[in-house]
Amino acid sequence: MDIEQARFYMIEQQLRPAEVLDPVTLEAVSLVRRERFVAPAQQALAFADVALPLPGGRKMLTPTVAGRLLQAAAPKRGENVLLIGTGSGYLAALLAVHAASVRVVEADPVLVSLSRANLAHAGVANVTVEEADGLQGDAAHGPYDLIVASGAVREVPAAWLAQLKPGGRLLACVGSAPVLSVRLYTPAGGSRALFETSVDALRTPAAAFAF
């Protein structure tokens, strides 16, 4: 497989038709080596628009979903970002291209270890992954300019909104399957719908908001 050609086709034939057109977003997708976040046995599908399996029954975000989330989040240089749920570490790496730092909280210790290894292998130095209950956020290191939830919740926990800086923003997938809406929130709790998608429910020790 020609890796660079596959990456090019992923951008041109998957992301652009899905209206991922922001040049900064596409730059990040070009720079982050997605194949380093995919298991060796799955390398042939590294750039396919499918949700590849992860340990514990989880799934990696498809390239299209990851690209749309990154475009909507729009991390800026100098910003501190909190990511709820790590998956393979790929979305954290995308956010880290332009953010100053990314902290990730993940309840599954297996995914914590996996994403740490993937990020190290990819040479991503400005991401920290910690095992913690994602519903609680990470108040000890906040407030944050941007919070992104990579898993779906029925409603946004108040703790996340409380950990935003004034003028900050929160991106979360909210609702009940099969109707899940990615919404952008302000610290005061106002929100607007951006697009509909399908992602795993957020895995957390506290099940109050989980599916």
N, C-alpha and C. Protein backbone atom coordinates (compact mmCIF):
# COMPACT_ATOMS: atom_id res chain seq x y z
N MET A 1 0.84 -1.20 0.00
CA MET A 1 0.00 0.00 0.00
C MET A 1 0.88 1.25 0.00
N ASP A 2 0.58 2.18 -0.89
CA ASP A 2 1.26 3.47 -0.91
C ASP A 2 0.59 4.35 0.15
N ILE A 3 1.29 4.53 1.30
CA ILE A 3 0.70 5.24 2.44
C ILE A 3 0.30 6.66 2.08
N GLU A 4 1.19 7.39 1.42
CA GLU A 4 0.90 8.80 1.14
C GLU A 4 -0.23 8.95 0.12
N GLN A 5 -0.30 8.03 -0.83
CA GLN A 5 -1.41 8.08 -1.77
C GLN A 5 -2.73 7.77 -1.07
N ALA A 6 -2.69 6.80 -0.15
CA ALA A 6 -3.90 6.46 0.61
C ALA A 6 -4.35 7.64 1.46
N ARG A 7 -3.39 8.35 2.07
CA ARG A 7 -3.73 9.52 2.88
C ARG A 7 -4.36 10.61 2.00
N PHE A 8 -3.79 10.80 0.80
CA PHE A 8 -4.32 11.78 -0.14
C PHE A 8 -5.77 11.44 -0.52
N TYR A 9 -6.02 10.17 -0.83
CA TYR A 9 -7.37 9.77 -1.21
C TYR A 9 -8.34 9.91 -0.03
N MET A 10 -7.86 9.64 1.19
CA MET A 10 -8.70 9.82 2.36
C MET A 10 -9.20 11.27 2.45
N ILE A 11 -8.29 12.18 2.21
CA ILE A 11 -8.66 13.61 2.28
C ILE A 11 -9.56 14.01 1.12
N GLU A 12 -9.17 13.62 -0.08
CA GLU A 12 -9.89 14.09 -1.27
C GLU A 12 -11.21 13.37 -1.51
N GLN A 13 -11.30 12.09 -1.15
CA GLN A 13 -12.48 11.31 -1.48
C GLN A 13 -13.41 11.06 -0.30
N GLN A 14 -12.92 11.33 0.93
CA GLN A 14 -13.76 11.14 2.11
C GLN A 14 -14.03 12.46 2.82
N LEU A 15 -12.97 13.18 3.19
CA LEU A 15 -13.16 14.38 3.99
C LEU A 15 -13.78 15.53 3.20
N ARG A 16 -13.25 15.81 2.04
CA ARG A 16 -13.79 16.94 1.27
C ARG A 16 -15.27 16.72 0.89
N PRO A 17 -15.67 15.55 0.42
CA PRO A 17 -17.10 15.34 0.14
C PRO A 17 -17.97 15.46 1.38
N ALA A 18 -17.38 15.26 2.59
CA ALA A 18 -18.13 15.43 3.84
C ALA A 18 -18.06 16.86 4.35
N GLU A 19 -17.60 17.77 3.50
CA GLU A 19 -17.52 19.21 3.79
C GLU A 19 -16.49 19.53 4.86
N VAL A 20 -15.46 18.70 4.97
CA VAL A 20 -14.30 19.07 5.78
C VAL A 20 -13.36 19.80 4.82
N LEU A 21 -13.43 21.13 4.85
CA LEU A 21 -12.77 21.96 3.85
C LEU A 21 -11.82 22.97 4.45
N ASP A 22 -11.84 23.13 5.77
CA ASP A 22 -11.00 24.11 6.43
C ASP A 22 -9.52 23.76 6.21
N PRO A 23 -8.72 24.69 5.67
CA PRO A 23 -7.31 24.38 5.37
C PRO A 23 -6.51 23.98 6.60
N VAL A 24 -6.79 24.58 7.75
CA VAL A 24 -6.05 24.25 8.97
C VAL A 24 -6.37 22.82 9.40
N THR A 25 -7.63 22.44 9.30
CA THR A 25 -8.03 21.07 9.62
C THR A 25 -7.36 20.07 8.69
N LEU A 26 -7.38 20.34 7.40
CA LEU A 26 -6.80 19.42 6.43
C LEU A 26 -5.28 19.34 6.61
N GLU A 27 -4.68 20.43 7.02
CA GLU A 27 -3.24 20.39 7.30
C GLU A 27 -2.94 19.41 8.44
N ALA A 28 -3.75 19.48 9.50
CA ALA A 28 -3.55 18.58 10.64
C ALA A 28 -3.73 17.13 10.22
N VAL A 29 -4.76 16.85 9.41
CA VAL A 29 -5.00 15.48 8.95
C VAL A 29 -3.83 15.00 8.10
N SER A 30 -3.24 15.89 7.33
CA SER A 30 -2.10 15.51 6.51
C SER A 30 -0.87 15.21 7.35
N LEU A 31 -0.70 15.94 8.44
CA LEU A 31 0.50 15.82 9.26
C LEU A 31 0.47 14.62 10.20
N VAL A 32 -0.70 14.29 10.73
CA VAL A 32 -0.80 13.19 11.71
C VAL A 32 -0.85 11.86 10.97
N ARG A 33 0.04 10.96 11.33
CA ARG A 33 0.14 9.67 10.66
C ARG A 33 -0.91 8.70 11.22
N ARG A 34 -2.06 8.67 10.58
CA ARG A 34 -3.16 7.84 11.08
C ARG A 34 -2.75 6.37 11.21
N GLU A 35 -1.90 5.90 10.33
CA GLU A 35 -1.50 4.50 10.36
C GLU A 35 -0.78 4.13 11.66
N ARG A 36 -0.26 5.10 12.39
CA ARG A 36 0.42 4.83 13.66
C ARG A 36 -0.57 4.67 14.83
N PHE A 37 -1.83 4.89 14.56
CA PHE A 37 -2.87 4.74 15.58
C PHE A 37 -3.77 3.54 15.30
N VAL A 38 -3.37 2.74 14.35
CA VAL A 38 -4.14 1.57 13.92
C VAL A 38 -3.31 0.32 14.19
N ALA A 39 -3.97 -0.73 14.67
CA ALA A 39 -3.27 -1.99 14.96
C ALA A 39 -2.63 -2.56 13.70
N PRO A 40 -1.49 -3.25 13.84
CA PRO A 40 -0.81 -3.81 12.66
C PRO A 40 -1.73 -4.65 11.78
N ALA A 41 -2.61 -5.43 12.38
CA ALA A 41 -3.50 -6.29 11.60
C ALA A 41 -4.54 -5.49 10.81
N GLN A 42 -4.70 -4.21 11.15
CA GLN A 42 -5.71 -3.37 10.50
C GLN A 42 -5.10 -2.36 9.53
N GLN A 43 -3.80 -2.47 9.25
CA GLN A 43 -3.13 -1.47 8.43
C GLN A 43 -3.75 -1.30 7.05
N ALA A 44 -4.25 -2.38 6.47
CA ALA A 44 -4.86 -2.28 5.15
C ALA A 44 -6.10 -1.40 5.15
N LEU A 45 -6.71 -1.21 6.34
CA LEU A 45 -7.92 -0.39 6.46
C LEU A 45 -7.65 0.93 7.18
N ALA A 46 -6.39 1.29 7.34
CA ALA A 46 -6.04 2.48 8.13
C ALA A 46 -6.70 3.74 7.60
N PHE A 47 -6.91 3.83 6.28
CA PHE A 47 -7.45 5.05 5.68
C PHE A 47 -8.87 4.87 5.15
N ALA A 48 -9.45 3.70 5.40
CA ALA A 48 -10.84 3.47 4.99
C ALA A 48 -11.79 4.18 5.95
N ASP A 49 -12.93 4.60 5.45
CA ASP A 49 -13.88 5.34 6.29
C ASP A 49 -14.77 4.36 7.06
N VAL A 50 -14.12 3.55 7.92
CA VAL A 50 -14.81 2.58 8.74
C VAL A 50 -14.37 2.75 10.19
N ALA A 51 -15.23 2.33 11.12
CA ALA A 51 -14.93 2.43 12.54
C ALA A 51 -14.17 1.17 12.97
N LEU A 52 -12.86 1.23 12.97
CA LEU A 52 -12.03 0.07 13.28
C LEU A 52 -12.16 -0.30 14.76
N PRO A 53 -12.17 -1.60 15.07
CA PRO A 53 -12.34 -2.02 16.47
C PRO A 53 -11.14 -1.71 17.34
N LEU A 54 -11.42 -1.39 18.60
CA LEU A 54 -10.42 -1.16 19.63
C LEU A 54 -10.68 -2.14 20.78
N PRO A 55 -9.73 -2.30 21.69
CA PRO A 55 -9.96 -3.19 22.84
C PRO A 55 -11.20 -2.80 23.63
N GLY A 56 -11.81 -3.80 24.28
CA GLY A 56 -12.96 -3.53 25.13
C GLY A 56 -14.24 -3.26 24.38
N GLY A 57 -14.28 -3.62 23.09
CA GLY A 57 -15.50 -3.40 22.32
C GLY A 57 -15.69 -1.98 21.83
N ARG A 58 -14.68 -1.15 21.99
CA ARG A 58 -14.79 0.23 21.50
C ARG A 58 -14.43 0.29 20.03
N LYS A 59 -14.63 1.46 19.42
CA LYS A 59 -14.30 1.64 18.01
C LYS A 59 -13.56 2.95 17.80
N MET A 60 -12.64 2.93 16.88
CA MET A 60 -11.92 4.13 16.49
C MET A 60 -12.85 5.02 15.65
N LEU A 61 -12.78 6.32 15.83
CA LEU A 61 -13.57 7.22 15.00
C LEU A 61 -13.16 7.07 13.54
N THR A 62 -14.12 7.09 12.65
CA THR A 62 -13.78 7.06 11.23
C THR A 62 -13.03 8.34 10.86
N PRO A 63 -12.27 8.33 9.76
CA PRO A 63 -11.61 9.56 9.33
C PRO A 63 -12.57 10.73 9.13
N THR A 64 -13.76 10.44 8.59
CA THR A 64 -14.71 11.51 8.34
C THR A 64 -15.22 12.12 9.65
N VAL A 65 -15.59 11.28 10.61
CA VAL A 65 -16.08 11.81 11.89
C VAL A 65 -14.97 12.57 12.60
N ALA A 66 -13.77 12.01 12.63
CA ALA A 66 -12.65 12.71 13.28
C ALA A 66 -12.39 14.05 12.61
N GLY A 67 -12.45 14.08 11.28
CA GLY A 67 -12.22 15.33 10.57
C GLY A 67 -13.29 16.37 10.83
N ARG A 68 -14.54 15.94 10.89
CA ARG A 68 -15.63 16.88 11.14
C ARG A 68 -15.57 17.42 12.58
N LEU A 69 -15.23 16.55 13.53
CA LEU A 69 -15.08 17.02 14.90
C LEU A 69 -13.93 18.01 15.02
N LEU A 70 -12.81 17.70 14.38
CA LEU A 70 -11.66 18.61 14.44
C LEU A 70 -12.00 19.96 13.81
N GLN A 71 -12.68 19.93 12.67
CA GLN A 71 -13.05 21.18 12.01
C GLN A 71 -13.99 22.01 12.89
N ALA A 72 -14.94 21.35 13.54
CA ALA A 72 -15.87 22.07 14.41
C ALA A 72 -15.18 22.59 15.67
N ALA A 73 -14.22 21.83 16.20
CA ALA A 73 -13.52 22.26 17.41
C ALA A 73 -12.59 23.42 17.14
N ALA A 74 -11.95 23.41 15.99
CA ALA A 74 -11.05 24.49 15.55
C ALA A 74 -10.06 24.92 16.62
N PRO A 75 -9.22 24.01 17.12
CA PRO A 75 -8.22 24.41 18.12
C PRO A 75 -7.27 25.45 17.56
N LYS A 76 -6.92 26.42 18.40
CA LYS A 76 -6.07 27.52 17.97
C LYS A 76 -4.73 27.46 18.69
N ARG A 77 -3.75 28.08 18.10
CA ARG A 77 -2.42 28.10 18.69
C ARG A 77 -2.47 28.76 20.06
N GLY A 78 -1.82 28.13 21.02
CA GLY A 78 -1.79 28.67 22.38
C GLY A 78 -2.91 28.20 23.26
N GLU A 79 -3.89 27.47 22.70
CA GLU A 79 -5.03 27.02 23.51
C GLU A 79 -4.70 25.74 24.27
N ASN A 80 -5.32 25.63 25.44
CA ASN A 80 -5.25 24.41 26.23
C ASN A 80 -6.57 23.65 26.06
N VAL A 81 -6.45 22.37 25.71
CA VAL A 81 -7.61 21.57 25.32
C VAL A 81 -7.76 20.38 26.25
N LEU A 82 -9.02 20.07 26.58
CA LEU A 82 -9.34 18.84 27.30
C LEU A 82 -10.15 17.95 26.38
N LEU A 83 -9.69 16.71 26.22
CA LEU A 83 -10.42 15.72 25.42
C LEU A 83 -10.96 14.66 26.36
N ILE A 84 -12.26 14.41 26.28
CA ILE A 84 -12.92 13.39 27.09
C ILE A 84 -13.01 12.11 26.27
N GLY A 85 -12.27 11.08 26.65
CA GLY A 85 -12.27 9.82 25.91
C GLY A 85 -11.15 9.79 24.89
N THR A 86 -10.29 8.78 24.97
CA THR A 86 -9.09 8.79 24.14
C THR A 86 -9.18 7.95 22.88
N GLY A 87 -9.96 6.85 22.89
CA GLY A 87 -9.92 5.97 21.73
C GLY A 87 -8.51 5.48 21.49
N SER A 88 -8.05 5.59 20.25
CA SER A 88 -6.69 5.17 19.90
C SER A 88 -5.66 6.26 20.13
N GLY A 89 -6.12 7.47 20.44
CA GLY A 89 -5.23 8.62 20.57
C GLY A 89 -5.19 9.49 19.33
N TYR A 90 -5.86 9.04 18.25
CA TYR A 90 -5.79 9.77 16.98
C TYR A 90 -6.39 11.17 17.07
N LEU A 91 -7.57 11.31 17.66
CA LEU A 91 -8.19 12.63 17.75
C LEU A 91 -7.34 13.55 18.62
N ALA A 92 -6.76 13.04 19.70
CA ALA A 92 -5.88 13.85 20.53
C ALA A 92 -4.70 14.37 19.73
N ALA A 93 -4.14 13.52 18.88
CA ALA A 93 -3.01 13.93 18.05
C ALA A 93 -3.42 15.02 17.06
N LEU A 94 -4.61 14.89 16.49
CA LEU A 94 -5.10 15.93 15.58
C LEU A 94 -5.27 17.26 16.30
N LEU A 95 -5.88 17.23 17.47
CA LEU A 95 -6.07 18.46 18.24
C LEU A 95 -4.73 19.09 18.62
N ALA A 96 -3.74 18.24 18.86
CA ALA A 96 -2.44 18.71 19.36
C ALA A 96 -1.61 19.41 18.30
N VAL A 97 -1.96 19.26 17.03
CA VAL A 97 -1.17 19.89 15.97
C VAL A 97 -1.11 21.40 16.16
N HIS A 98 -2.24 22.00 16.51
CA HIS A 98 -2.27 23.46 16.64
C HIS A 98 -2.48 23.94 18.07
N ALA A 99 -2.97 23.10 18.97
CA ALA A 99 -3.15 23.52 20.37
C ALA A 99 -1.80 23.56 21.08
N ALA A 100 -1.75 24.33 22.16
CA ALA A 100 -0.53 24.35 22.98
C ALA A 100 -0.38 23.03 23.73
N SER A 101 -1.48 22.55 24.29
CA SER A 101 -1.44 21.29 25.03
C SER A 101 -2.81 20.64 24.99
N VAL A 102 -2.81 19.31 25.08
CA VAL A 102 -4.04 18.54 25.14
C VAL A 102 -3.94 17.58 26.31
N ARG A 103 -4.91 17.65 27.22
CA ARG A 103 -5.04 16.66 28.29
C ARG A 103 -6.21 15.76 27.95
N VAL A 104 -6.03 14.48 28.17
CA VAL A 104 -7.07 13.50 27.85
C VAL A 104 -7.42 12.73 29.11
N VAL A 105 -8.71 12.58 29.40
CA VAL A 105 -9.15 11.73 30.49
C VAL A 105 -9.95 10.58 29.91
N GLU A 106 -9.63 9.37 30.38
CA GLU A 106 -10.21 8.14 29.85
C GLU A 106 -10.40 7.16 30.99
N ALA A 107 -11.60 6.53 31.04
CA ALA A 107 -11.91 5.62 32.14
C ALA A 107 -11.33 4.22 31.94
N ASP A 108 -11.05 3.83 30.71
CA ASP A 108 -10.58 2.47 30.42
C ASP A 108 -9.05 2.42 30.47
N PRO A 109 -8.47 1.70 31.44
CA PRO A 109 -7.01 1.67 31.55
C PRO A 109 -6.32 1.06 30.34
N VAL A 110 -6.99 0.14 29.65
CA VAL A 110 -6.39 -0.47 28.45
C VAL A 110 -6.24 0.57 27.35
N LEU A 111 -7.27 1.40 27.16
CA LEU A 111 -7.19 2.45 26.15
C LEU A 111 -6.21 3.54 26.56
N VAL A 112 -6.08 3.80 27.86
CA VAL A 112 -5.07 4.76 28.33
C VAL A 112 -3.69 4.29 27.89
N SER A 113 -3.37 3.03 28.14
CA SER A 113 -2.06 2.49 27.78
C SER A 113 -1.86 2.48 26.27
N LEU A 114 -2.91 2.06 25.54
CA LEU A 114 -2.81 2.00 24.09
C LEU A 114 -2.56 3.38 23.48
N SER A 115 -3.34 4.36 23.90
CA SER A 115 -3.20 5.69 23.31
C SER A 115 -1.88 6.33 23.69
N ARG A 116 -1.40 6.11 24.91
CA ARG A 116 -0.09 6.61 25.29
C ARG A 116 0.99 6.05 24.37
N ALA A 117 0.92 4.74 24.12
CA ALA A 117 1.91 4.09 23.25
C ALA A 117 1.82 4.63 21.82
N ASN A 118 0.59 4.80 21.31
CA ASN A 118 0.41 5.31 19.95
C ASN A 118 0.93 6.73 19.81
N LEU A 119 0.63 7.57 20.80
CA LEU A 119 1.08 8.96 20.75
C LEU A 119 2.60 9.05 20.81
N ALA A 120 3.21 8.21 21.65
CA ALA A 120 4.67 8.19 21.73
C ALA A 120 5.27 7.73 20.40
N HIS A 121 4.68 6.70 19.81
CA HIS A 121 5.16 6.18 18.53
C HIS A 121 5.05 7.23 17.43
N ALA A 122 4.00 8.05 17.51
CA ALA A 122 3.80 9.10 16.51
C ALA A 122 4.60 10.37 16.81
N GLY A 123 5.29 10.40 17.94
CA GLY A 123 6.12 11.56 18.28
C GLY A 123 5.33 12.77 18.75
N VAL A 124 4.14 12.54 19.30
CA VAL A 124 3.30 13.65 19.79
C VAL A 124 3.68 13.93 21.23
N ALA A 125 4.24 15.10 21.50
CA ALA A 125 4.81 15.39 22.82
C ALA A 125 3.93 16.27 23.70
N ASN A 126 2.90 16.90 23.13
CA ASN A 126 2.11 17.86 23.91
C ASN A 126 0.73 17.31 24.29
N VAL A 127 0.63 15.98 24.43
CA VAL A 127 -0.60 15.33 24.90
C VAL A 127 -0.29 14.51 26.14
N THR A 128 -1.15 14.67 27.16
CA THR A 128 -1.06 13.88 28.39
C THR A 128 -2.36 13.09 28.53
N VAL A 129 -2.25 11.78 28.74
CA VAL A 129 -3.43 10.92 28.88
C VAL A 129 -3.48 10.38 30.30
N GLU A 130 -4.60 10.59 30.99
CA GLU A 130 -4.77 10.15 32.37
C GLU A 130 -6.01 9.26 32.50
N GLU A 131 -5.92 8.28 33.40
CA GLU A 131 -7.08 7.45 33.70
C GLU A 131 -7.97 8.17 34.70
N ALA A 132 -9.19 8.47 34.32
CA ALA A 132 -10.11 9.21 35.18
C ALA A 132 -11.52 9.11 34.62
N ASP A 133 -12.48 9.46 35.45
CA ASP A 133 -13.90 9.49 35.05
C ASP A 133 -14.13 10.73 34.19
N GLY A 134 -14.39 10.50 32.91
CA GLY A 134 -14.56 11.61 31.99
C GLY A 134 -15.70 12.53 32.32
N LEU A 135 -16.74 12.03 32.97
CA LEU A 135 -17.87 12.89 33.30
C LEU A 135 -17.49 14.00 34.26
N GLN A 136 -16.41 13.79 35.00
CA GLN A 136 -15.96 14.81 35.95
C GLN A 136 -15.04 15.83 35.29
N GLY A 137 -14.64 15.58 34.06
CA GLY A 137 -13.69 16.48 33.41
C GLY A 137 -12.33 16.38 34.06
N ASP A 138 -11.68 17.54 34.20
CA ASP A 138 -10.35 17.59 34.81
C ASP A 138 -10.15 18.97 35.44
N ALA A 139 -10.87 19.20 36.53
CA ALA A 139 -10.86 20.52 37.16
C ALA A 139 -9.48 20.92 37.67
N ALA A 140 -8.68 19.94 38.05
CA ALA A 140 -7.37 20.25 38.64
C ALA A 140 -6.45 20.96 37.67
N HIS A 141 -6.65 20.76 36.37
CA HIS A 141 -5.77 21.38 35.38
C HIS A 141 -6.50 22.42 34.52
N GLY A 142 -7.76 22.69 34.83
CA GLY A 142 -8.52 23.68 34.08
C GLY A 142 -8.30 25.07 34.63
N PRO A 143 -9.01 26.05 34.12
CA PRO A 143 -10.03 25.92 33.06
C PRO A 143 -9.39 25.80 31.68
N TYR A 144 -10.23 25.42 30.72
CA TYR A 144 -9.75 25.13 29.37
C TYR A 144 -10.37 26.08 28.35
N ASP A 145 -9.60 26.30 27.29
CA ASP A 145 -10.14 27.08 26.16
C ASP A 145 -11.14 26.25 25.36
N LEU A 146 -10.88 24.95 25.31
CA LEU A 146 -11.70 24.06 24.48
C LEU A 146 -11.81 22.70 25.16
N ILE A 147 -13.03 22.18 25.22
CA ILE A 147 -13.27 20.81 25.70
C ILE A 147 -14.00 20.06 24.59
N VAL A 148 -13.51 18.87 24.28
CA VAL A 148 -14.11 18.03 23.24
C VAL A 148 -14.42 16.66 23.83
N ALA A 149 -15.64 16.20 23.66
CA ALA A 149 -16.02 14.84 24.09
C ALA A 149 -16.05 13.95 22.86
N SER A 150 -15.26 12.87 22.90
CA SER A 150 -15.21 11.98 21.74
C SER A 150 -16.28 10.89 21.77
N GLY A 151 -17.00 10.78 22.89
CA GLY A 151 -18.09 9.83 23.01
C GLY A 151 -19.40 10.56 23.28
N ALA A 152 -20.50 9.89 23.01
CA ALA A 152 -21.82 10.51 23.14
C ALA A 152 -22.33 10.47 24.58
N VAL A 153 -23.08 11.50 24.97
CA VAL A 153 -23.74 11.58 26.27
C VAL A 153 -25.19 11.98 26.06
N ARG A 154 -26.03 11.63 27.01
CA ARG A 154 -27.44 12.03 26.91
C ARG A 154 -27.60 13.53 27.13
N GLU A 155 -26.79 14.08 28.02
CA GLU A 155 -26.77 15.52 28.26
C GLU A 155 -25.39 15.90 28.74
N VAL A 156 -25.05 17.16 28.58
CA VAL A 156 -23.71 17.62 28.94
C VAL A 156 -23.60 17.81 30.45
N PRO A 157 -22.62 17.18 31.10
CA PRO A 157 -22.43 17.38 32.54
C PRO A 157 -22.09 18.83 32.88
N ALA A 158 -22.63 19.31 33.98
CA ALA A 158 -22.34 20.68 34.41
C ALA A 158 -20.85 20.87 34.67
N ALA A 159 -20.16 19.81 35.09
CA ALA A 159 -18.73 19.92 35.38
C ALA A 159 -17.94 20.36 34.16
N TRP A 160 -18.34 19.91 32.99
CA TRP A 160 -17.61 20.30 31.78
C TRP A 160 -17.76 21.80 31.53
N LEU A 161 -18.97 22.30 31.62
CA LEU A 161 -19.20 23.72 31.38
C LEU A 161 -18.46 24.57 32.40
N ALA A 162 -18.41 24.10 33.65
CA ALA A 162 -17.73 24.86 34.71
C ALA A 162 -16.23 24.93 34.50
N GLN A 163 -15.68 24.04 33.68
CA GLN A 163 -14.24 24.02 33.46
C GLN A 163 -13.80 24.76 32.20
N LEU A 164 -14.73 25.47 31.58
CA LEU A 164 -14.40 26.31 30.43
C LEU A 164 -13.95 27.69 30.88
N LYS A 165 -12.97 28.24 30.20
CA LYS A 165 -12.60 29.64 30.41
C LYS A 165 -13.70 30.54 29.87
N PRO A 166 -13.78 31.79 30.34
CA PRO A 166 -14.71 32.73 29.72
C PRO A 166 -14.41 32.83 28.23
N GLY A 167 -15.42 32.70 27.43
CA GLY A 167 -15.21 32.70 25.98
C GLY A 167 -14.80 31.36 25.42
N GLY A 168 -14.68 30.34 26.29
CA GLY A 168 -14.29 29.01 25.83
C GLY A 168 -15.44 28.31 25.13
N ARG A 169 -15.19 27.10 24.66
CA ARG A 169 -16.21 26.37 23.92
C ARG A 169 -16.09 24.88 24.21
N LEU A 170 -17.22 24.23 24.11
CA LEU A 170 -17.34 22.80 24.38
C LEU A 170 -18.03 22.13 23.21
N LEU A 171 -17.42 21.07 22.70
CA LEU A 171 -17.99 20.32 21.59
C LEU A 171 -18.35 18.93 22.09
N ALA A 172 -19.63 18.57 21.96
CA ALA A 172 -20.09 17.28 22.48
C ALA A 172 -21.16 16.70 21.58
N CYS A 173 -21.18 15.36 21.52
CA CYS A 173 -22.22 14.63 20.78
C CYS A 173 -23.29 14.23 21.78
N VAL A 174 -24.49 14.73 21.59
CA VAL A 174 -25.54 14.63 22.60
C VAL A 174 -26.79 13.98 22.01
N GLY A 175 -27.46 13.18 22.84
CA GLY A 175 -28.74 12.60 22.43
C GLY A 175 -28.79 11.12 22.69
N SER A 176 -29.73 10.47 22.04
CA SER A 176 -29.92 9.02 22.15
C SER A 176 -29.87 8.42 20.75
N ALA A 177 -29.08 7.34 20.61
CA ALA A 177 -28.98 6.68 19.31
C ALA A 177 -30.38 6.26 18.82
N PRO A 178 -30.66 6.37 17.53
CA PRO A 178 -29.72 6.70 16.46
C PRO A 178 -29.61 8.18 16.15
N VAL A 179 -30.27 9.05 16.90
CA VAL A 179 -30.23 10.48 16.60
C VAL A 179 -29.26 11.16 17.57
N LEU A 180 -28.05 11.41 17.10
CA LEU A 180 -27.03 12.05 17.91
C LEU A 180 -26.58 13.33 17.22
N SER A 181 -26.58 14.42 17.97
CA SER A 181 -26.26 15.72 17.40
C SER A 181 -24.97 16.26 18.01
N VAL A 182 -24.04 16.65 17.18
CA VAL A 182 -22.84 17.34 17.67
C VAL A 182 -23.22 18.80 17.89
N ARG A 183 -23.02 19.25 19.14
CA ARG A 183 -23.41 20.60 19.51
C ARG A 183 -22.22 21.36 20.07
N LEU A 184 -22.21 22.67 19.84
CA LEU A 184 -21.18 23.56 20.35
C LEU A 184 -21.77 24.40 21.46
N TYR A 185 -21.16 24.32 22.66
CA TYR A 185 -21.68 24.98 23.86
C TYR A 185 -20.79 26.14 24.28
N THR A 186 -21.41 27.13 24.93
CA THR A 186 -20.69 28.23 25.57
C THR A 186 -20.64 27.95 27.07
N PRO A 187 -19.78 28.67 27.83
CA PRO A 187 -19.72 28.44 29.28
C PRO A 187 -21.06 28.62 29.98
N ALA A 188 -21.93 29.47 29.45
CA ALA A 188 -23.23 29.70 30.08
C ALA A 188 -24.23 28.59 29.78
N GLY A 189 -23.87 27.66 28.90
CA GLY A 189 -24.75 26.53 28.60
C GLY A 189 -25.56 26.67 27.32
N GLY A 190 -25.47 27.83 26.66
CA GLY A 190 -26.14 27.95 25.37
C GLY A 190 -25.45 27.07 24.34
N SER A 191 -26.21 26.60 23.35
CA SER A 191 -25.61 25.70 22.38
C SER A 191 -26.29 25.83 21.02
N ARG A 192 -25.61 25.30 20.02
CA ARG A 192 -26.20 25.21 18.69
C ARG A 192 -25.77 23.90 18.06
N ALA A 193 -26.68 23.31 17.30
CA ALA A 193 -26.39 22.05 16.63
C ALA A 193 -25.54 22.30 15.40
N LEU A 194 -24.54 21.44 15.18
CA LEU A 194 -23.65 21.57 14.04
C LEU A 194 -23.94 20.50 12.98
N PHE A 195 -24.01 19.23 13.40
CA PHE A 195 -24.30 18.16 12.46
C PHE A 195 -24.67 16.91 13.25
N GLU A 196 -25.25 15.94 12.55
CA GLU A 196 -25.60 14.67 13.16
C GLU A 196 -24.56 13.62 12.81
N THR A 197 -24.33 12.68 13.71
CA THR A 197 -23.34 11.64 13.47
C THR A 197 -23.65 10.44 14.33
N SER A 198 -22.77 9.45 14.32
CA SER A 198 -22.91 8.27 15.16
C SER A 198 -21.56 7.94 15.76
N VAL A 199 -21.48 7.94 17.09
CA VAL A 199 -20.25 7.58 17.80
C VAL A 199 -20.63 6.71 19.00
N ASP A 200 -19.64 6.03 19.57
CA ASP A 200 -19.89 5.24 20.78
C ASP A 200 -20.33 6.15 21.92
N ALA A 201 -21.11 5.60 22.83
CA ALA A 201 -21.40 6.31 24.07
C ALA A 201 -20.13 6.45 24.89
N LEU A 202 -20.01 7.53 25.61
CA LEU A 202 -18.85 7.74 26.47
C LEU A 202 -18.80 6.66 27.53
N ARG A 203 -17.68 6.01 27.67
CA ARG A 203 -17.52 4.99 28.71
C ARG A 203 -16.97 5.64 29.96
N THR A 204 -17.65 5.40 31.08
CA THR A 204 -17.30 6.07 32.32
C THR A 204 -17.71 5.21 33.50
N PRO A 205 -16.99 5.28 34.63
CA PRO A 205 -17.42 4.52 35.82
C PRO A 205 -18.77 4.96 36.35
N ALA A 206 -19.08 6.25 36.18
CA ALA A 206 -20.38 6.77 36.62
C ALA A 206 -21.33 6.71 35.45
N ALA A 207 -22.41 5.99 35.58
CA ALA A 207 -23.27 5.71 34.42
C ALA A 207 -24.41 6.69 34.27
N ALA A 208 -24.41 7.78 35.01
CA ALA A 208 -25.57 8.67 35.01
C ALA A 208 -25.90 9.21 33.64
N PHE A 209 -24.85 9.47 32.82
CA PHE A 209 -25.11 10.05 31.51
C PHE A 209 -24.83 9.07 30.40
N ALA A 210 -24.35 7.88 30.73
CA ALA A 210 -23.95 6.94 29.70
C ALA A 210 -25.16 6.20 29.14
N PHE A 211 -25.00 5.62 27.97
CA PHE A 211 -26.09 4.89 27.34
C PHE A 211 -26.19 3.49 27.94
